[in-house]
Amino acid sequence: MTTASNPSTPTVAPIETPTVDPLHDNVEPGDHERFAHYVQKSKLTGAMVNGTPVRALCGKVWVPSRDPGRFPVCPECKEIKAKLTR
């Protein structure tokens, strides 16, 4: 921390405060940036607006933030959806 030349002048030092977000603690790293996953449509809108995590059919948990049309569909989600829609 630096000291001011004038004692009445306050000094400001950056403070690193770790951000703890219990909502996103269960978000998994991984393929959500490589694949588009299937999630319940009713949950997707709220997740996009509020930044809350969703769970895909394959079990992947993440916070959706990108255009899924830019990615191939997750093979595991695709397989599960095919079994459910028979």
N, C-alpha and C. Protein backbone atom coordinates (compact mmCIF):
# COMPACT_ATOMS: atom_id res chain seq x y z
N MET A 1 0.85 -1.16 0.00
CA MET A 1 0.00 0.00 0.00
C MET A 1 0.90 1.22 0.00
N THR A 2 0.52 2.21 -0.77
CA THR A 2 1.32 3.43 -0.84
C THR A 2 0.82 4.44 0.17
N THR A 3 1.69 5.33 0.55
CA THR A 3 1.27 6.39 1.47
C THR A 3 1.16 7.68 0.69
N ALA A 4 0.23 8.50 1.07
CA ALA A 4 0.02 9.77 0.39
C ALA A 4 1.01 10.80 0.92
N SER A 5 1.37 11.75 0.06
CA SER A 5 2.27 12.80 0.51
C SER A 5 1.58 13.73 1.50
N ASN A 6 0.29 13.84 1.39
CA ASN A 6 -0.50 14.66 2.31
C ASN A 6 -1.27 13.71 3.22
N PRO A 7 -1.06 13.73 4.53
CA PRO A 7 -1.73 12.79 5.43
C PRO A 7 -3.25 12.84 5.39
N SER A 8 -3.83 13.95 4.93
CA SER A 8 -5.29 14.03 4.88
C SER A 8 -5.85 13.43 3.59
N THR A 9 -4.97 13.07 2.66
CA THR A 9 -5.41 12.45 1.42
C THR A 9 -5.51 10.94 1.62
N PRO A 10 -6.72 10.40 1.45
CA PRO A 10 -6.86 8.95 1.63
C PRO A 10 -6.19 8.19 0.50
N THR A 11 -5.69 7.03 0.80
CA THR A 11 -5.12 6.17 -0.22
C THR A 11 -6.05 4.99 -0.45
N VAL A 12 -6.05 4.51 -1.65
CA VAL A 12 -6.91 3.39 -2.01
C VAL A 12 -6.03 2.27 -2.52
N ALA A 13 -6.23 1.10 -2.01
CA ALA A 13 -5.49 -0.07 -2.47
C ALA A 13 -6.50 -1.10 -2.94
N PRO A 14 -6.22 -1.76 -4.05
CA PRO A 14 -7.15 -2.79 -4.52
C PRO A 14 -7.20 -3.95 -3.53
N ILE A 15 -8.38 -4.47 -3.36
CA ILE A 15 -8.58 -5.62 -2.47
C ILE A 15 -9.21 -6.73 -3.30
N GLU A 16 -8.60 -7.88 -3.26
CA GLU A 16 -9.19 -9.02 -3.96
C GLU A 16 -10.15 -9.71 -3.04
N THR A 17 -11.39 -9.76 -3.46
CA THR A 17 -12.41 -10.44 -2.68
C THR A 17 -12.86 -11.65 -3.49
N PRO A 18 -12.67 -12.84 -2.98
CA PRO A 18 -13.13 -14.01 -3.74
C PRO A 18 -14.65 -14.00 -3.84
N THR A 19 -15.13 -14.26 -5.03
CA THR A 19 -16.56 -14.31 -5.25
C THR A 19 -17.04 -15.73 -5.00
N VAL A 20 -17.95 -15.89 -4.09
CA VAL A 20 -18.54 -17.19 -3.80
C VAL A 20 -19.98 -17.14 -4.25
N ASP A 21 -20.33 -18.02 -5.16
CA ASP A 21 -21.68 -18.07 -5.68
C ASP A 21 -22.21 -19.48 -5.49
N PRO A 22 -22.98 -19.72 -4.42
CA PRO A 22 -23.46 -21.07 -4.16
C PRO A 22 -24.34 -21.61 -5.27
N LEU A 23 -24.95 -20.73 -6.06
CA LEU A 23 -25.79 -21.18 -7.17
C LEU A 23 -24.97 -21.91 -8.22
N HIS A 24 -23.73 -21.47 -8.43
CA HIS A 24 -22.93 -22.03 -9.50
C HIS A 24 -21.84 -22.97 -9.03
N ASP A 25 -21.84 -23.34 -7.76
CA ASP A 25 -20.82 -24.25 -7.25
C ASP A 25 -20.89 -25.63 -7.89
N ASN A 26 -22.06 -26.03 -8.34
CA ASN A 26 -22.20 -27.36 -8.91
C ASN A 26 -22.04 -27.37 -10.43
N VAL A 27 -21.66 -26.26 -11.03
CA VAL A 27 -21.46 -26.21 -12.47
C VAL A 27 -20.19 -26.97 -12.81
N GLU A 28 -20.31 -27.85 -13.79
CA GLU A 28 -19.20 -28.71 -14.15
C GLU A 28 -18.40 -28.11 -15.31
N PRO A 29 -17.09 -28.22 -15.27
CA PRO A 29 -16.31 -27.81 -16.42
C PRO A 29 -16.47 -28.86 -17.51
N GLY A 30 -16.14 -28.52 -18.72
CA GLY A 30 -16.12 -29.58 -19.72
C GLY A 30 -16.75 -29.22 -21.04
N ASP A 31 -17.53 -30.16 -21.57
CA ASP A 31 -17.94 -30.11 -22.96
C ASP A 31 -19.08 -29.17 -23.28
N HIS A 32 -19.62 -28.40 -22.33
CA HIS A 32 -20.71 -27.50 -22.67
C HIS A 32 -20.26 -26.43 -23.66
N GLU A 33 -18.96 -26.28 -23.83
CA GLU A 33 -18.45 -25.33 -24.81
C GLU A 33 -18.15 -26.01 -26.14
N ARG A 34 -18.31 -27.33 -26.20
CA ARG A 34 -18.08 -28.06 -27.45
C ARG A 34 -19.35 -28.65 -28.02
N PHE A 35 -20.35 -28.89 -27.18
CA PHE A 35 -21.59 -29.52 -27.61
C PHE A 35 -22.80 -28.70 -27.19
N ALA A 36 -23.87 -28.85 -27.96
CA ALA A 36 -25.17 -28.32 -27.56
C ALA A 36 -25.89 -29.46 -26.85
N HIS A 37 -26.41 -29.20 -25.68
CA HIS A 37 -27.08 -30.23 -24.89
C HIS A 37 -28.58 -30.00 -24.88
N TYR A 38 -29.34 -31.08 -24.68
CA TYR A 38 -30.79 -30.98 -24.56
C TYR A 38 -31.17 -30.75 -23.11
N VAL A 39 -32.00 -29.73 -22.89
CA VAL A 39 -32.53 -29.44 -21.55
C VAL A 39 -34.02 -29.17 -21.69
N GLN A 40 -34.74 -29.18 -20.57
CA GLN A 40 -36.17 -28.86 -20.60
C GLN A 40 -36.33 -27.41 -21.04
N LYS A 41 -37.18 -27.21 -22.05
CA LYS A 41 -37.39 -25.88 -22.59
C LYS A 41 -37.88 -24.91 -21.51
N SER A 42 -38.72 -25.40 -20.60
CA SER A 42 -39.26 -24.54 -19.55
C SER A 42 -38.17 -24.04 -18.60
N LYS A 43 -37.09 -24.77 -18.48
CA LYS A 43 -35.99 -24.37 -17.59
C LYS A 43 -34.97 -23.49 -18.29
N LEU A 44 -34.89 -23.61 -19.60
CA LEU A 44 -33.85 -22.91 -20.36
C LEU A 44 -34.00 -21.39 -20.33
N THR A 45 -35.21 -20.89 -20.52
CA THR A 45 -35.41 -19.44 -20.55
C THR A 45 -35.01 -18.80 -19.23
N GLY A 46 -35.47 -19.36 -18.13
CA GLY A 46 -35.11 -18.83 -16.83
C GLY A 46 -33.62 -18.88 -16.58
N ALA A 47 -32.99 -19.94 -17.04
CA ALA A 47 -31.54 -20.09 -16.86
C ALA A 47 -30.78 -19.04 -17.65
N MET A 48 -31.23 -18.77 -18.86
CA MET A 48 -30.57 -17.75 -19.68
C MET A 48 -30.74 -16.36 -19.09
N VAL A 49 -31.93 -16.07 -18.58
CA VAL A 49 -32.21 -14.75 -18.02
C VAL A 49 -31.54 -14.56 -16.66
N ASN A 50 -31.65 -15.56 -15.80
CA ASN A 50 -31.15 -15.44 -14.43
C ASN A 50 -29.74 -15.95 -14.21
N GLY A 51 -29.19 -16.63 -15.21
CA GLY A 51 -27.84 -17.18 -15.06
C GLY A 51 -27.77 -18.36 -14.11
N THR A 52 -28.85 -19.13 -14.05
CA THR A 52 -28.88 -20.28 -13.15
C THR A 52 -28.50 -21.55 -13.92
N PRO A 53 -27.92 -22.52 -13.25
CA PRO A 53 -27.52 -23.76 -13.92
C PRO A 53 -28.71 -24.62 -14.34
N VAL A 54 -28.52 -25.38 -15.40
CA VAL A 54 -29.51 -26.35 -15.87
C VAL A 54 -28.83 -27.71 -15.96
N ARG A 55 -29.65 -28.77 -15.99
CA ARG A 55 -29.12 -30.13 -16.14
C ARG A 55 -29.62 -30.69 -17.47
N ALA A 56 -28.69 -31.13 -18.29
CA ALA A 56 -29.02 -31.71 -19.59
C ALA A 56 -29.48 -33.15 -19.42
N LEU A 57 -30.04 -33.71 -20.48
CA LEU A 57 -30.47 -35.11 -20.45
C LEU A 57 -29.32 -36.04 -20.07
N CYS A 58 -28.12 -35.70 -20.50
CA CYS A 58 -26.96 -36.55 -20.23
C CYS A 58 -26.42 -36.37 -18.81
N GLY A 59 -26.98 -35.41 -18.07
CA GLY A 59 -26.54 -35.18 -16.70
C GLY A 59 -25.60 -34.00 -16.54
N LYS A 60 -25.16 -33.44 -17.64
CA LYS A 60 -24.25 -32.28 -17.59
C LYS A 60 -24.96 -31.09 -16.96
N VAL A 61 -24.28 -30.41 -16.01
CA VAL A 61 -24.82 -29.22 -15.35
C VAL A 61 -23.95 -28.03 -15.74
N TRP A 62 -24.57 -26.97 -16.24
CA TRP A 62 -23.84 -25.76 -16.62
C TRP A 62 -24.80 -24.59 -16.72
N VAL A 63 -24.25 -23.40 -16.84
CA VAL A 63 -25.05 -22.19 -17.03
C VAL A 63 -25.03 -21.87 -18.52
N PRO A 64 -26.18 -21.98 -19.20
CA PRO A 64 -26.20 -21.70 -20.63
C PRO A 64 -25.98 -20.22 -20.91
N SER A 65 -25.11 -19.94 -21.87
CA SER A 65 -24.85 -18.54 -22.20
C SER A 65 -24.53 -18.33 -23.68
N ARG A 66 -24.42 -19.39 -24.43
CA ARG A 66 -24.03 -19.27 -25.84
C ARG A 66 -25.13 -19.82 -26.74
N ASP A 67 -25.02 -19.47 -28.02
CA ASP A 67 -25.96 -19.95 -29.02
C ASP A 67 -25.68 -21.42 -29.29
N PRO A 68 -26.60 -22.31 -28.91
CA PRO A 68 -26.34 -23.74 -29.10
C PRO A 68 -26.30 -24.16 -30.56
N GLY A 69 -26.83 -23.33 -31.46
CA GLY A 69 -26.82 -23.65 -32.88
C GLY A 69 -25.43 -23.69 -33.48
N ARG A 70 -24.46 -23.17 -32.77
CA ARG A 70 -23.08 -23.15 -33.27
C ARG A 70 -22.32 -24.43 -32.96
N PHE A 71 -22.94 -25.34 -32.23
CA PHE A 71 -22.24 -26.54 -31.77
C PHE A 71 -22.98 -27.80 -32.19
N PRO A 72 -22.27 -28.91 -32.36
CA PRO A 72 -22.95 -30.18 -32.63
C PRO A 72 -23.68 -30.64 -31.37
N VAL A 73 -24.73 -31.43 -31.57
CA VAL A 73 -25.50 -31.94 -30.43
C VAL A 73 -24.70 -33.00 -29.70
N CYS A 74 -24.76 -32.96 -28.39
CA CYS A 74 -24.09 -33.94 -27.54
C CYS A 74 -24.58 -35.33 -27.92
N PRO A 75 -23.68 -36.25 -28.24
CA PRO A 75 -24.09 -37.60 -28.64
C PRO A 75 -24.91 -38.32 -27.57
N GLU A 76 -24.56 -38.14 -26.32
CA GLU A 76 -25.28 -38.80 -25.24
C GLU A 76 -26.69 -38.24 -25.10
N CYS A 77 -26.83 -36.92 -25.18
CA CYS A 77 -28.17 -36.30 -25.13
C CYS A 77 -29.02 -36.77 -26.30
N LYS A 78 -28.41 -36.84 -27.48
CA LYS A 78 -29.12 -37.25 -28.69
C LYS A 78 -29.64 -38.68 -28.53
N GLU A 79 -28.81 -39.56 -28.00
CA GLU A 79 -29.20 -40.96 -27.80
C GLU A 79 -30.34 -41.08 -26.79
N ILE A 80 -30.25 -40.35 -25.70
CA ILE A 80 -31.29 -40.40 -24.66
C ILE A 80 -32.60 -39.86 -25.21
N LYS A 81 -32.54 -38.76 -25.96
CA LYS A 81 -33.76 -38.17 -26.53
C LYS A 81 -34.42 -39.14 -27.51
N ALA A 82 -33.61 -39.83 -28.31
CA ALA A 82 -34.15 -40.80 -29.27
C ALA A 82 -34.89 -41.92 -28.55
N LYS A 83 -34.37 -42.37 -27.42
CA LYS A 83 -35.03 -43.43 -26.65
C LYS A 83 -36.33 -42.93 -26.02
N LEU A 84 -36.35 -41.66 -25.63
CA LEU A 84 -37.55 -41.10 -24.99
C LEU A 84 -38.67 -40.81 -25.98
N THR A 85 -38.33 -40.56 -27.23
CA THR A 85 -39.34 -40.17 -28.22
C THR A 85 -39.79 -41.31 -29.11
N ARG A 86 -39.44 -42.53 -28.77
CA ARG A 86 -39.88 -43.70 -29.56
C ARG A 86 -41.33 -43.95 -29.39
